[in-house]
């Protein structure tokens, strides 16, 4: 038994090393092909323009979280103007609903930690399940993310919940509006059929794996919050950002019961993208660039690269998404180019740790090969 267990551990490590090598190889192939594919180049330019517009507008309006507006612009984009419009509207609708919900529960949940954990677990589970089964899953997911952001950011001062909720909606509206303006100018506007979704009716049957993954995500979020409170880290904003990133990275199964290999691959892609994006952001912060134009130029260049990888053909799209995501929220910290690298280090460490927890929880609680075989036979 011990020999068999040791062999299994060795095989898991070997497989993990192979996946890391393949992921990095795909990433560098995409980087080596920058500018060679007109469609990828155009989509990258669209993303860069949307992020720059959202960043500039949010800074001009002096909003509290310009990074959230910037990332909303990036994440609202699809391959066509019509698809970008649909995605942006779903994101904004979910954000408004989440802001209202977060404002309501922030009146009493900060004073009851058990209820706080229960609320975060329940809403995370709902959002992640909806993302996999509902045609409006993105709206459900961002209702979850926004309600949690509002609640957690107002833990130290619940009186600020209304202001926080209002500015979360305002930030996202800036980002979505910027994405739609750029999409209208730079993208084709032909209508695409909306993606199909299996619906809510078979959650205890064919869609049971989606429920299981919702449970895993809920556990990951609660673990991140518990660890943050346990080590008594003071910055609740960074905690809220970390948990929001964990929620925003649901692993959508490709089949009724996905394999541990596929789950590990998706988790690893997101984690590696996070690490690479954070490293590049910290390197840029270390340059201590004070010129506003050069700061925007660095953001645009890396966002262009991230979108190029996201829509690339080497199977590492998740790496590109997380690469750009983490770079933006690490690089944009206030109303000007950052004067210190330390806030970026703190944010990067929190996000990396949160995604690491999600990866570990997903792998530990995912069914074994024998369980998958039994499920398929049934």
Protein backbone atom coordinates (compact mmCIF):
# COMPACT_ATOMS: atom_id res chain seq x y z
CA UNK A 1 0.00 0.00 0.00
CA UNK A 2 2.80 2.43 0.93
CA UNK A 3 4.66 1.62 -2.29
CA UNK A 4 1.50 2.19 -4.34
CA UNK A 5 0.82 5.51 -2.59
CA UNK A 6 4.41 6.67 -3.10
CA UNK A 7 4.24 5.72 -6.76
CA UNK A 8 1.02 7.70 -7.15
CA UNK A 9 2.58 10.79 -5.53
CA UNK A 10 5.64 10.53 -7.80
CA UNK A 11 3.41 10.20 -10.87
CA UNK A 12 1.37 13.24 -9.79
CA UNK A 13 4.52 15.35 -9.41
CA UNK A 14 5.82 14.14 -12.78
CA UNK A 15 2.51 14.97 -14.44
CA UNK A 16 2.50 18.38 -12.78
CA UNK A 17 6.00 19.09 -14.05
CA UNK A 18 4.94 18.11 -17.58
CA UNK A 19 1.91 20.41 -17.42
CA UNK A 20 4.05 23.31 -16.21
CA UNK A 21 6.51 22.72 -19.04
CA UNK A 22 3.73 22.50 -21.64
CA UNK A 23 2.03 25.63 -20.28
CA UNK A 24 5.20 27.69 -20.30
CA UNK A 25 6.07 26.36 -23.76
CA UNK A 26 2.65 27.42 -25.09
CA UNK A 27 2.99 30.82 -23.42
CA UNK A 28 6.37 31.52 -24.99
CA UNK A 29 5.17 30.34 -28.40
CA UNK A 30 2.32 32.84 -28.17
CA UNK A 31 4.75 35.58 -27.14
CA UNK A 32 7.00 34.67 -30.05
CA UNK A 33 4.07 35.07 -32.45
CA UNK A 34 3.07 38.55 -31.27
CA UNK A 35 1.99 40.62 -34.25
CA UNK A 36 2.01 37.72 -36.72
CA UNK A 37 -1.75 37.08 -36.77
CA UNK A 38 -3.88 40.09 -37.85
CA UNK A 39 -7.00 38.87 -35.99
CA UNK A 40 -5.11 38.39 -32.71
CA UNK A 41 -3.31 41.70 -33.16
CA UNK A 42 -6.58 43.53 -33.74
CA UNK A 43 -8.24 41.98 -30.69
CA UNK A 44 -5.22 42.89 -28.61
CA UNK A 45 -5.39 46.50 -29.80
CA UNK A 46 -9.11 46.61 -28.99
CA UNK A 47 -8.38 45.39 -25.45
CA UNK A 48 -5.52 47.85 -24.97
CA UNK A 49 -7.66 50.76 -26.18
CA UNK A 50 -10.57 49.77 -23.91
CA UNK A 51 -8.34 49.48 -20.83
CA UNK A 52 -6.61 52.80 -21.55
CA UNK A 53 -9.93 54.58 -22.04
CA UNK A 54 -11.40 53.08 -18.86
CA UNK A 55 -8.26 53.93 -16.87
CA UNK A 56 -8.10 57.52 -18.13
CA UNK A 57 -11.80 58.19 -17.54
CA UNK A 58 -11.76 56.65 -14.06
CA UNK A 59 -8.70 58.71 -13.08
CA UNK A 60 -10.26 61.89 -14.48
CA UNK A 61 -13.40 61.22 -12.40
CA UNK A 62 -11.27 60.36 -9.34
CA UNK A 63 -12.98 57.07 -8.54
CA UNK A 64 -11.68 54.96 -5.67
CA UNK A 65 -10.80 51.83 -7.66
CA UNK A 66 -9.61 52.71 -11.18
CA UNK A 67 -8.16 49.21 -11.50
CA UNK A 68 -11.68 47.75 -11.28
CA UNK A 69 -12.87 49.99 -14.11
CA UNK A 70 -9.84 49.00 -16.20
CA UNK A 71 -10.31 45.29 -15.68
CA UNK A 72 -14.04 45.62 -16.36
CA UNK A 73 -13.17 47.10 -19.74
CA UNK A 74 -10.84 44.19 -20.49
CA UNK A 75 -13.20 41.46 -19.32
CA UNK A 76 -16.21 42.88 -21.21
CA UNK A 77 -14.65 42.34 -24.63
CA UNK A 78 -15.49 39.52 -27.02
CA UNK A 79 -14.61 38.91 -30.66
CA UNK A 80 -17.48 41.03 -32.05
CA UNK A 81 -19.23 44.23 -31.04
CA UNK A 82 -22.56 42.49 -30.48
CA UNK A 83 -21.00 39.84 -28.25
CA UNK A 84 -19.10 42.51 -26.31
CA UNK A 85 -22.37 44.44 -25.81
CA UNK A 86 -24.13 41.35 -24.43
CA UNK A 87 -21.24 40.50 -22.11
CA UNK A 88 -20.96 44.09 -20.89
CA UNK A 89 -24.67 44.33 -20.13
CA UNK A 90 -24.61 41.04 -18.20
CA UNK A 91 -21.61 42.23 -16.20
CA UNK A 92 -23.23 45.58 -15.39
CA UNK A 93 -26.59 44.01 -14.49
CA UNK A 94 -24.95 41.52 -12.15
CA UNK A 95 -22.87 44.29 -10.58
CA UNK A 96 -25.95 46.43 -9.86
CA UNK A 97 -27.78 43.47 -8.27
CA UNK A 98 -24.69 42.56 -6.25
CA UNK A 99 -24.19 46.13 -5.05
CA UNK A 100 -27.77 46.26 -3.77
CA UNK A 101 -27.44 42.87 -2.07
CA UNK A 102 -24.07 43.77 -0.54
CA UNK A 103 -25.44 47.06 0.81
CA UNK A 104 -28.39 45.29 2.42
CA UNK A 105 -26.41 42.53 4.15
CA UNK A 106 -23.59 44.90 5.21
CA UNK A 107 -25.99 46.34 7.78
CA UNK A 108 -25.69 43.23 9.98
CA UNK A 109 -23.30 40.56 8.67
CA UNK A 110 -20.08 42.37 9.79
CA UNK A 111 -21.20 41.76 13.36
CA UNK A 112 -21.83 38.00 12.94
CA UNK A 113 -18.83 36.09 11.59
CA UNK A 114 -20.67 32.78 11.27
CA UNK A 115 -23.40 34.40 9.18
CA UNK A 116 -20.68 36.17 7.17
CA UNK A 117 -18.99 32.86 6.31
CA UNK A 118 -22.35 31.29 5.50
CA UNK A 119 -23.32 34.16 3.19
CA UNK A 120 -20.02 34.09 1.30
CA UNK A 121 -20.18 30.32 0.89
CA UNK A 122 -23.80 30.34 -0.30
CA UNK A 123 -23.41 33.21 -2.76
CA UNK A 124 -20.14 31.83 -4.14
CA UNK A 125 -21.74 28.46 -4.68
CA UNK A 126 -24.72 30.08 -6.40
CA UNK A 127 -22.56 32.23 -8.67
CA UNK A 128 -20.23 29.42 -9.73
CA UNK A 129 -23.10 27.00 -10.40
CA UNK A 130 -24.95 29.66 -12.40
CA UNK A 131 -21.84 30.39 -14.46
CA UNK A 132 -21.92 26.78 -15.64
CA UNK A 133 -25.64 26.18 -16.14
CA UNK A 134 -27.37 29.53 -16.81
CA UNK A 135 -27.41 31.50 -20.08
CA UNK A 136 -27.07 34.58 -17.84
CA UNK A 137 -24.34 33.02 -15.72
CA UNK A 138 -22.03 36.02 -15.99
CA UNK A 139 -24.64 38.26 -14.35
CA UNK A 140 -25.08 35.75 -11.52
CA UNK A 141 -21.34 35.48 -11.02
CA UNK A 142 -20.85 39.24 -10.82
CA UNK A 143 -23.76 39.57 -8.44
CA UNK A 144 -21.80 37.22 -6.19
CA UNK A 145 -18.47 39.01 -6.69
CA UNK A 146 -19.88 42.51 -6.17
CA UNK A 147 -21.94 41.66 -3.09
CA UNK A 148 -18.85 40.09 -1.52
CA UNK A 149 -16.65 43.07 -2.46
CA UNK A 150 -19.11 45.53 -0.92
CA UNK A 151 -19.55 43.45 2.21
CA UNK A 152 -15.88 42.71 2.83
CA UNK A 153 -14.64 46.21 2.00
CA UNK A 154 -17.10 47.66 4.53
CA UNK A 155 -16.20 45.26 7.36
CA UNK A 156 -14.26 47.90 9.30
CA UNK A 157 -16.90 50.60 8.75
CA UNK A 158 -20.36 49.30 7.71
CA UNK A 159 -21.61 52.90 7.45
CA UNK A 160 -19.54 53.19 4.25
CA UNK A 161 -21.45 50.34 2.56
CA UNK A 162 -23.65 52.65 0.49
CA UNK A 163 -20.70 54.64 -0.84
CA UNK A 164 -18.74 51.48 -1.62
CA UNK A 165 -21.72 49.91 -3.41
CA UNK A 166 -22.31 53.04 -5.48
CA UNK A 167 -18.68 53.31 -6.59
CA UNK A 168 -18.46 49.60 -7.47
CA UNK A 169 -21.32 50.13 -9.91
CA UNK A 170 -19.77 53.37 -11.15
CA UNK A 171 -16.39 51.68 -11.71
CA UNK A 172 -17.94 48.84 -13.71
CA UNK A 173 -20.11 51.24 -15.70
CA UNK A 174 -16.98 53.14 -16.73
CA UNK A 175 -15.24 49.93 -17.78
CA UNK A 176 -18.23 48.50 -19.65
CA UNK A 177 -18.96 51.85 -21.31
CA UNK A 178 -15.34 52.15 -22.43
CA UNK A 179 -15.38 48.61 -23.84
CA UNK A 180 -18.59 49.28 -25.76
CA UNK A 181 -17.29 52.55 -27.20
CA UNK A 182 -14.09 50.89 -28.39
CA UNK A 183 -15.96 47.82 -29.67
CA UNK A 184 -18.33 50.04 -31.65
CA UNK A 185 -15.39 51.81 -33.30
CA UNK A 186 -12.93 48.95 -33.80
CA UNK A 187 -14.93 45.70 -34.02
CA UNK A 188 -17.36 44.20 -36.51
CA UNK A 189 -20.94 44.46 -35.28
CA UNK A 190 -22.53 41.28 -36.54
CA UNK A 191 -24.80 39.41 -34.18
CA UNK A 192 -23.64 36.09 -32.75
CA UNK A 193 -25.94 33.47 -31.32
CA UNK A 194 -25.76 33.60 -27.52
CA UNK A 195 -24.03 30.61 -25.94
CA UNK A 196 -26.24 27.68 -25.03
CA UNK A 197 -26.53 26.58 -21.42
CA UNK A 198 -27.97 23.39 -19.90
CA UNK A 199 -30.25 25.24 -17.45
CA UNK A 200 -31.12 24.73 -13.80
CA UNK A 201 -33.47 21.76 -14.02
CA UNK A 202 -31.00 18.89 -13.62
CA UNK A 203 -28.79 20.08 -10.77
CA UNK A 204 -29.31 16.80 -8.91
CA UNK A 205 -28.76 14.79 -12.08
CA UNK A 206 -26.69 15.61 -15.13
CA UNK A 207 -25.56 18.96 -13.69
CA UNK A 208 -24.47 17.54 -10.34
CA UNK A 209 -20.76 18.12 -11.17
CA UNK A 210 -21.53 21.86 -11.41
CA UNK A 211 -22.99 21.72 -7.89
CA UNK A 212 -19.89 19.91 -6.63
CA UNK A 213 -17.65 22.54 -8.14
CA UNK A 214 -19.77 25.27 -6.56
CA UNK A 215 -19.15 23.59 -3.21
CA UNK A 216 -15.39 23.47 -3.85
CA UNK A 217 -15.29 27.15 -4.77
CA UNK A 218 -17.29 28.04 -1.65
CA UNK A 219 -14.83 26.11 0.50
CA UNK A 220 -11.89 27.88 -1.17
CA UNK A 221 -13.40 31.33 -0.52
CA UNK A 222 -14.14 30.52 3.14
CA UNK A 223 -10.59 29.16 3.61
CA UNK A 224 -9.07 32.34 2.11
CA UNK A 225 -11.18 34.53 4.43
CA UNK A 226 -10.39 32.38 7.47
CA UNK A 227 -6.63 32.47 6.77
CA UNK A 228 -6.74 36.24 6.26
CA UNK A 229 -8.51 36.76 9.61
CA UNK A 230 -6.31 34.18 11.35
CA UNK A 231 -3.05 35.93 10.46
CA UNK A 232 -4.67 39.28 11.30
CA UNK A 233 -3.85 41.04 8.05
CA UNK A 234 -5.21 44.58 8.37
CA UNK A 235 -6.10 45.59 4.82
CA UNK A 236 -9.65 44.39 4.18
CA UNK A 237 -9.58 45.91 0.69
CA UNK A 238 -6.79 43.57 -0.37
CA UNK A 239 -8.67 40.65 1.20
CA UNK A 240 -11.77 41.59 -0.77
CA UNK A 241 -9.75 41.84 -3.98
CA UNK A 242 -8.19 38.41 -3.37
CA UNK A 243 -11.53 36.76 -2.74
CA UNK A 244 -13.07 38.47 -5.76
CA UNK A 245 -10.29 37.08 -7.97
CA UNK A 246 -10.86 33.59 -6.55
CA UNK A 247 -14.59 33.88 -7.27
CA UNK A 248 -13.91 35.16 -10.78
CA UNK A 249 -11.92 32.04 -11.65
CA UNK A 250 -14.47 29.21 -11.69
CA UNK A 251 -13.34 25.99 -13.31
CA UNK A 252 -16.02 25.18 -15.87
CA UNK A 253 -16.07 21.48 -16.60
CA UNK A 254 -15.96 20.41 -20.23
CA UNK A 255 -17.96 17.26 -19.61
CA UNK A 256 -20.40 15.87 -17.07
CA UNK A 257 -17.56 14.60 -14.89
CA UNK A 258 -14.25 16.24 -15.71
CA UNK A 259 -10.92 14.55 -15.11
CA UNK A 260 -8.47 15.50 -12.41
CA UNK A 261 -5.95 16.18 -15.19
CA UNK A 262 -8.20 18.76 -16.82
CA UNK A 263 -8.99 20.44 -13.51
CA UNK A 264 -5.29 20.55 -12.64
CA UNK A 265 -4.48 21.98 -16.06
CA UNK A 266 -7.05 24.76 -15.82
CA UNK A 267 -6.04 25.61 -12.26
CA UNK A 268 -2.39 25.61 -13.22
CA UNK A 269 -3.01 27.86 -16.24
CA UNK A 270 -4.69 30.45 -14.04
CA UNK A 271 -2.04 30.20 -11.35
CA UNK A 272 0.86 30.49 -13.81
CA UNK A 273 -0.85 33.41 -15.55
CA UNK A 274 -1.22 35.10 -12.17
CA UNK A 275 2.45 34.58 -11.32
CA UNK A 276 3.70 35.75 -14.73
CA UNK A 277 1.42 38.82 -14.78
CA UNK A 278 2.42 39.72 -11.24
CA UNK A 279 6.14 39.34 -11.96
CA UNK A 280 5.88 41.58 -15.02
CA UNK A 281 3.87 44.15 -13.03
CA UNK A 282 6.35 44.18 -10.16
CA UNK A 283 9.21 44.58 -12.65
CA UNK A 284 7.42 47.57 -14.19
CA UNK A 285 6.74 49.03 -10.74
CA UNK A 286 10.41 48.62 -9.84
CA UNK A 287 11.29 50.94 -12.72
CA UNK A 288 9.48 53.70 -10.77
CA UNK A 289 8.18 55.32 -13.92
CA UNK A 290 6.74 58.72 -13.07
CA UNK A 291 5.59 59.71 -16.56
CA UNK A 292 1.84 59.22 -16.92
CA UNK A 293 2.19 58.52 -20.67
CA UNK A 294 4.85 55.85 -20.22
CA UNK A 295 2.84 54.26 -17.40
CA UNK A 296 -0.18 54.00 -19.70
CA UNK A 297 2.05 52.67 -22.49
CA UNK A 298 3.29 49.83 -20.27
CA UNK A 299 -0.29 48.95 -19.32
CA UNK A 300 -1.41 48.99 -22.97
CA UNK A 301 1.50 46.83 -24.11
CA UNK A 302 0.95 44.11 -21.53
CA UNK A 303 -2.84 44.11 -22.01
CA UNK A 304 -2.31 43.71 -25.75
CA UNK A 305 -0.02 40.76 -25.06
CA UNK A 306 -2.52 39.21 -22.62
CA UNK A 307 -5.39 39.40 -25.09
CA UNK A 308 -3.17 37.99 -27.86
CA UNK A 309 -2.47 34.97 -25.65
CA UNK A 310 -6.11 34.69 -24.54
CA UNK A 311 -7.37 34.31 -28.13
CA UNK A 312 -4.29 32.37 -29.31
CA UNK A 313 -4.12 28.88 -30.75
CA UNK A 314 -1.69 27.14 -28.38
CA UNK A 315 -4.21 26.20 -25.71
CA UNK A 316 -3.11 28.61 -22.97
CA UNK A 317 -5.94 31.16 -23.18
CA UNK A 318 -6.54 31.07 -19.40
CA UNK A 319 -2.89 32.05 -18.90
CA UNK A 320 -3.37 35.15 -21.05
CA UNK A 321 -6.56 36.16 -19.25
CA UNK A 322 -5.04 35.88 -15.79
CA UNK A 323 -1.77 37.42 -17.00
CA UNK A 324 -3.53 40.63 -18.08
CA UNK A 325 -5.96 40.59 -15.13
CA UNK A 326 -3.30 40.43 -12.43
CA UNK A 327 -0.99 42.86 -14.23
CA UNK A 328 -3.72 45.51 -14.38
CA UNK A 329 -4.86 45.25 -10.77
CA UNK A 330 -1.25 45.20 -9.55
CA UNK A 331 -0.09 48.06 -11.77
CA UNK A 332 -3.07 50.40 -11.23
CA UNK A 333 -3.29 51.32 -7.57
CA UNK A 334 -4.38 54.95 -7.41
CA UNK A 335 -4.74 58.21 -9.27
CA UNK A 336 -1.19 58.24 -10.68
CA UNK A 337 1.75 55.95 -11.46
CA UNK A 338 2.62 54.12 -8.20
CA UNK A 339 5.48 55.62 -6.22
CA UNK A 340 6.22 52.41 -4.29
CA UNK A 341 6.44 48.75 -5.22
CA UNK A 342 5.20 47.48 -1.83
CA UNK A 343 1.41 47.89 -2.37
CA UNK A 344 1.83 45.92 -5.59
CA UNK A 345 3.77 43.22 -3.74
CA UNK A 346 1.01 42.93 -1.11
CA UNK A 347 -1.73 42.69 -3.70
CA UNK A 348 0.20 40.18 -5.82
CA UNK A 349 0.94 38.00 -2.80
CA UNK A 350 -2.71 37.99 -1.75
CA UNK A 351 -4.01 37.10 -5.21
CA UNK A 352 -1.40 34.38 -5.72
CA UNK A 353 -2.23 32.87 -2.35
CA UNK A 354 -5.96 32.96 -3.03
CA UNK A 355 -5.66 31.25 -6.40
CA UNK A 356 -3.27 28.74 -4.86
CA UNK A 357 -5.90 27.87 -2.25
CA UNK A 358 -8.52 27.45 -5.00
CA UNK A 359 -6.20 25.14 -6.94
CA UNK A 360 -5.38 23.00 -3.89
CA UNK A 361 -9.01 22.73 -2.77
CA UNK A 362 -10.18 21.85 -6.29
CA UNK A 363 -7.58 19.10 -6.62
CA UNK A 364 -8.05 17.65 -3.13
CA UNK A 365 -11.84 17.47 -3.44
CA UNK A 366 -12.03 16.43 -7.10
CA UNK A 367 -13.09 12.80 -7.67
CA UNK A 368 -10.40 10.21 -8.21
CA UNK A 369 -10.08 8.18 -11.41
CA UNK A 370 -11.99 5.31 -9.78
CA UNK A 371 -14.87 7.63 -8.78
CA UNK A 372 -15.03 9.07 -12.29
CA UNK A 373 -15.16 5.55 -13.76
CA UNK A 374 -17.96 4.57 -11.38
CA UNK A 375 -19.92 7.76 -12.15
CA UNK A 376 -19.71 7.18 -15.88
CA UNK A 377 -20.84 3.57 -15.51
CA UNK A 378 -23.86 4.73 -13.52
